Amino acid sequence: MKYPIACVAAAVALSACAAIPNREDRMVQGQPEPYRMGFLSGCASGKAAAGSPYHVFLKDAQRAMDEPMYAAAWNDGFAVCKSEREQVDRIMLRR
């Protein structure tokens, strides 16, 4: 009887986490779709460039050529997230 209660509690806890948007999602909230997609792809790419093993380089090259807003947002996301990831690494290495 203990296991069903534990499973329900775990499911409730996980569903609560899914409802909380991450920081990057909050940063682009209310922006047009090309900006959101560009920023989020650039952000993942910036984290990957800074050495994060949990992120990959993402860029829709054709879309970047066709949509200036996507391209600008990708650059914004890349710069912000790469810088933040590098700062976290510097702080962690000082310990």
N, C-alpha and C. Protein backbone atom coordinates (compact mmCIF):
# COMPACT_ATOMS: atom_id res chain seq x y z
N MET A 1 0.81 -1.19 0.00
CA MET A 1 0.00 0.00 0.00
C MET A 1 0.85 1.26 0.00
N LYS A 2 2.09 1.18 0.46
CA LYS A 2 2.97 2.34 0.50
C LYS A 2 3.34 2.82 -0.89
N TYR A 3 3.53 1.90 -1.81
CA TYR A 3 4.01 2.28 -3.14
C TYR A 3 3.02 3.13 -3.94
N PRO A 4 1.72 2.83 -3.95
CA PRO A 4 0.81 3.71 -4.69
C PRO A 4 0.81 5.13 -4.16
N ILE A 5 0.90 5.30 -2.86
CA ILE A 5 0.92 6.65 -2.28
C ILE A 5 2.20 7.37 -2.70
N ALA A 6 3.32 6.66 -2.68
CA ALA A 6 4.59 7.26 -3.08
C ALA A 6 4.55 7.65 -4.56
N CYS A 7 3.94 6.80 -5.38
CA CYS A 7 3.85 7.11 -6.81
C CYS A 7 2.98 8.34 -7.06
N VAL A 8 1.89 8.46 -6.35
CA VAL A 8 1.01 9.62 -6.51
C VAL A 8 1.74 10.88 -6.05
N ALA A 9 2.44 10.79 -4.94
CA ALA A 9 3.18 11.95 -4.44
C ALA A 9 4.26 12.37 -5.43
N ALA A 10 4.96 11.41 -6.00
CA ALA A 10 6.00 11.73 -6.98
C ALA A 10 5.40 12.36 -8.23
N ALA A 11 4.26 11.84 -8.67
CA ALA A 11 3.60 12.39 -9.86
C ALA A 11 3.15 13.83 -9.63
N VAL A 12 2.63 14.11 -8.46
CA VAL A 12 2.20 15.48 -8.13
C VAL A 12 3.40 16.41 -8.09
N ALA A 13 4.48 15.96 -7.47
CA ALA A 13 5.68 16.80 -7.38
C ALA A 13 6.26 17.08 -8.77
N LEU A 14 6.30 16.08 -9.62
CA LEU A 14 6.84 16.27 -10.97
C LEU A 14 5.94 17.16 -11.81
N SER A 15 4.65 17.05 -11.66
CA SER A 15 3.76 17.89 -12.45
C SER A 15 3.87 19.35 -12.02
N ALA A 16 4.16 19.60 -10.76
CA ALA A 16 4.35 20.97 -10.29
C ALA A 16 5.60 21.58 -10.93
N CYS A 17 6.64 20.78 -11.08
CA CYS A 17 7.87 21.27 -11.71
C CYS A 17 7.63 21.59 -13.18
N ALA A 18 6.83 20.82 -13.84
CA ALA A 18 6.58 21.04 -15.26
C ALA A 18 5.84 22.34 -15.51
N ALA A 19 5.10 22.82 -14.53
CA ALA A 19 4.32 24.04 -14.70
C ALA A 19 5.15 25.31 -14.53
N ILE A 20 6.37 25.17 -13.99
CA ILE A 20 7.22 26.33 -13.76
C ILE A 20 8.10 26.54 -14.99
N PRO A 21 7.93 27.69 -15.68
CA PRO A 21 8.76 27.93 -16.86
C PRO A 21 10.22 28.19 -16.43
N ASN A 22 11.15 27.75 -17.28
CA ASN A 22 12.54 27.99 -16.94
C ASN A 22 12.91 29.44 -17.22
N ARG A 23 14.09 29.82 -16.82
CA ARG A 23 14.53 31.20 -16.90
C ARG A 23 14.52 31.71 -18.34
N GLU A 24 15.01 30.92 -19.28
CA GLU A 24 15.05 31.35 -20.67
C GLU A 24 13.65 31.58 -21.23
N ASP A 25 12.72 30.70 -20.86
CA ASP A 25 11.34 30.87 -21.32
C ASP A 25 10.75 32.18 -20.79
N ARG A 26 11.07 32.50 -19.55
CA ARG A 26 10.57 33.76 -18.98
C ARG A 26 11.20 34.97 -19.67
N MET A 27 12.45 34.85 -20.10
CA MET A 27 13.14 35.98 -20.74
C MET A 27 12.50 36.35 -22.07
N VAL A 28 11.91 35.39 -22.76
CA VAL A 28 11.33 35.66 -24.08
C VAL A 28 9.81 35.68 -24.07
N GLN A 29 9.24 35.62 -22.89
CA GLN A 29 7.79 35.63 -22.77
C GLN A 29 7.23 36.91 -23.40
N GLY A 30 6.22 36.77 -24.24
CA GLY A 30 5.58 37.91 -24.87
C GLY A 30 6.25 38.37 -26.16
N GLN A 31 7.37 37.76 -26.51
CA GLN A 31 8.07 38.13 -27.75
C GLN A 31 7.46 37.38 -28.93
N PRO A 32 7.62 37.89 -30.15
CA PRO A 32 7.14 37.17 -31.33
C PRO A 32 7.84 35.82 -31.49
N GLU A 33 7.19 34.90 -32.15
CA GLU A 33 7.70 33.54 -32.31
C GLU A 33 9.11 33.49 -32.91
N PRO A 34 9.43 34.24 -33.96
CA PRO A 34 10.81 34.18 -34.49
C PRO A 34 11.85 34.59 -33.46
N TYR A 35 11.52 35.57 -32.63
CA TYR A 35 12.47 35.99 -31.59
C TYR A 35 12.63 34.89 -30.55
N ARG A 36 11.51 34.33 -30.09
CA ARG A 36 11.58 33.26 -29.07
C ARG A 36 12.43 32.09 -29.56
N MET A 37 12.14 31.64 -30.77
CA MET A 37 12.86 30.47 -31.28
C MET A 37 14.35 30.78 -31.47
N GLY A 38 14.64 31.96 -32.00
CA GLY A 38 16.03 32.34 -32.19
C GLY A 38 16.78 32.45 -30.87
N PHE A 39 16.16 33.10 -29.90
CA PHE A 39 16.82 33.28 -28.60
C PHE A 39 17.07 31.94 -27.93
N LEU A 40 16.07 31.07 -27.91
CA LEU A 40 16.23 29.78 -27.23
C LEU A 40 17.27 28.91 -27.93
N SER A 41 17.31 28.93 -29.25
CA SER A 41 18.33 28.17 -29.98
C SER A 41 19.71 28.76 -29.73
N GLY A 42 19.81 30.09 -29.76
CA GLY A 42 21.08 30.74 -29.49
C GLY A 42 21.56 30.49 -28.07
N CYS A 43 20.63 30.47 -27.14
CA CYS A 43 20.98 30.22 -25.74
C CYS A 43 21.56 28.81 -25.57
N ALA A 44 20.91 27.82 -26.13
CA ALA A 44 21.44 26.45 -26.04
C ALA A 44 22.81 26.37 -26.70
N SER A 45 22.97 27.05 -27.81
CA SER A 45 24.25 27.05 -28.52
C SER A 45 25.34 27.74 -27.70
N GLY A 46 24.99 28.84 -27.05
CA GLY A 46 25.95 29.54 -26.22
C GLY A 46 26.41 28.70 -25.05
N LYS A 47 25.48 27.99 -24.44
CA LYS A 47 25.85 27.11 -23.32
C LYS A 47 26.76 25.99 -23.81
N ALA A 48 26.44 25.44 -24.99
CA ALA A 48 27.29 24.39 -25.55
C ALA A 48 28.69 24.93 -25.86
N ALA A 49 28.76 26.13 -26.42
CA ALA A 49 30.05 26.74 -26.75
C ALA A 49 30.88 27.01 -25.50
N ALA A 50 30.22 27.26 -24.40
CA ALA A 50 30.91 27.52 -23.13
C ALA A 50 31.31 26.23 -22.42
N GLY A 51 30.96 25.09 -23.00
CA GLY A 51 31.40 23.82 -22.44
C GLY A 51 30.35 22.99 -21.73
N SER A 52 29.09 23.39 -21.79
CA SER A 52 28.05 22.61 -21.13
C SER A 52 27.87 21.26 -21.83
N PRO A 53 27.98 20.17 -21.09
CA PRO A 53 27.77 18.86 -21.71
C PRO A 53 26.28 18.55 -21.91
N TYR A 54 25.41 19.41 -21.43
CA TYR A 54 23.97 19.17 -21.48
C TYR A 54 23.27 19.92 -22.61
N HIS A 55 24.00 20.68 -23.40
CA HIS A 55 23.41 21.48 -24.46
C HIS A 55 24.13 21.21 -25.78
N VAL A 56 23.44 21.46 -26.87
CA VAL A 56 24.01 21.27 -28.20
C VAL A 56 23.84 22.55 -29.02
N PHE A 57 24.66 22.68 -30.04
CA PHE A 57 24.58 23.82 -30.94
C PHE A 57 23.33 23.69 -31.79
N LEU A 58 22.49 24.71 -31.76
CA LEU A 58 21.25 24.71 -32.54
C LEU A 58 21.16 26.01 -33.32
N LYS A 59 21.07 25.92 -34.61
CA LYS A 59 20.85 27.12 -35.41
C LYS A 59 20.23 26.70 -36.73
N ASP A 60 19.11 27.30 -37.06
CA ASP A 60 18.47 27.08 -38.34
C ASP A 60 19.07 28.12 -39.29
N ALA A 61 20.10 27.72 -40.03
CA ALA A 61 20.85 28.66 -40.88
C ALA A 61 19.96 29.30 -41.94
N GLN A 62 19.08 28.52 -42.53
CA GLN A 62 18.19 29.08 -43.55
C GLN A 62 17.26 30.12 -42.94
N ARG A 63 16.73 29.81 -41.79
CA ARG A 63 15.83 30.76 -41.13
C ARG A 63 16.59 32.03 -40.73
N ALA A 64 17.83 31.87 -40.29
CA ALA A 64 18.63 33.03 -39.91
C ALA A 64 18.86 33.95 -41.12
N MET A 65 19.01 33.36 -42.29
CA MET A 65 19.19 34.18 -43.50
C MET A 65 17.89 34.85 -43.92
N ASP A 66 16.77 34.15 -43.72
CA ASP A 66 15.47 34.66 -44.18
C ASP A 66 14.78 35.59 -43.19
N GLU A 67 15.06 35.43 -41.91
CA GLU A 67 14.35 36.20 -40.88
C GLU A 67 15.35 36.95 -40.00
N PRO A 68 15.49 38.25 -40.23
CA PRO A 68 16.44 39.03 -39.42
C PRO A 68 16.14 38.99 -37.92
N MET A 69 14.87 38.89 -37.55
CA MET A 69 14.53 38.84 -36.13
C MET A 69 15.05 37.56 -35.49
N TYR A 70 14.92 36.44 -36.19
CA TYR A 70 15.45 35.17 -35.68
C TYR A 70 16.97 35.27 -35.51
N ALA A 71 17.63 35.82 -36.52
CA ALA A 71 19.09 35.93 -36.49
C ALA A 71 19.55 36.82 -35.33
N ALA A 72 18.91 37.96 -35.15
CA ALA A 72 19.28 38.87 -34.06
C ALA A 72 19.03 38.22 -32.71
N ALA A 73 17.91 37.54 -32.58
CA ALA A 73 17.58 36.88 -31.31
C ALA A 73 18.55 35.75 -31.02
N TRP A 74 18.96 35.02 -32.06
CA TRP A 74 19.93 33.93 -31.88
C TRP A 74 21.23 34.51 -31.32
N ASN A 75 21.67 35.61 -31.90
CA ASN A 75 22.90 36.25 -31.42
C ASN A 75 22.75 36.72 -29.97
N ASP A 76 21.58 37.29 -29.65
CA ASP A 76 21.32 37.74 -28.27
C ASP A 76 21.39 36.56 -27.30
N GLY A 77 20.67 35.50 -27.64
CA GLY A 77 20.63 34.32 -26.77
C GLY A 77 22.00 33.69 -26.60
N PHE A 78 22.75 33.61 -27.69
CA PHE A 78 24.09 33.02 -27.65
C PHE A 78 24.98 33.82 -26.70
N ALA A 79 24.99 35.13 -26.87
CA ALA A 79 25.86 35.98 -26.06
C ALA A 79 25.49 35.92 -24.58
N VAL A 80 24.21 36.04 -24.28
CA VAL A 80 23.76 36.06 -22.88
C VAL A 80 24.06 34.73 -22.21
N CYS A 81 23.68 33.63 -22.82
CA CYS A 81 23.81 32.33 -22.17
C CYS A 81 25.25 31.83 -22.13
N LYS A 82 26.04 32.15 -23.15
CA LYS A 82 27.46 31.78 -23.12
C LYS A 82 28.16 32.51 -21.98
N SER A 83 27.89 33.79 -21.86
CA SER A 83 28.50 34.59 -20.79
C SER A 83 28.10 34.08 -19.41
N GLU A 84 26.81 33.80 -19.25
CA GLU A 84 26.34 33.30 -17.95
C GLU A 84 26.96 31.96 -17.61
N ARG A 85 27.05 31.08 -18.59
CA ARG A 85 27.64 29.75 -18.35
C ARG A 85 29.11 29.88 -17.97
N GLU A 86 29.84 30.77 -18.66
CA GLU A 86 31.25 30.97 -18.34
C GLU A 86 31.41 31.55 -16.93
N GLN A 87 30.50 32.44 -16.55
CA GLN A 87 30.56 33.02 -15.22
C GLN A 87 30.33 31.95 -14.15
N VAL A 88 29.37 31.08 -14.38
CA VAL A 88 29.11 29.99 -13.43
C VAL A 88 30.34 29.09 -13.32
N ASP A 89 30.96 28.78 -14.45
CA ASP A 89 32.16 27.93 -14.41
C ASP A 89 33.29 28.61 -13.63
N ARG A 90 33.47 29.92 -13.82
CA ARG A 90 34.52 30.64 -13.08
C ARG A 90 34.25 30.58 -11.58
N ILE A 91 33.01 30.76 -11.19
CA ILE A 91 32.65 30.72 -9.78
C ILE A 91 32.88 29.33 -9.21
N MET A 92 32.48 28.32 -9.94
CA MET A 92 32.62 26.94 -9.45
C MET A 92 34.08 26.53 -9.34
N LEU A 93 34.93 27.02 -10.22
CA LEU A 93 36.34 26.64 -10.18
C LEU A 93 37.10 27.33 -9.05
N ARG A 94 36.56 28.42 -8.53
CA ARG A 94 37.22 29.12 -7.42
C ARG A 94 37.07 28.39 -6.10
N ARG A 95 36.12 27.52 -6.01
CA ARG A 95 35.89 26.83 -4.73
C ARG A 95 36.96 25.85 -4.41
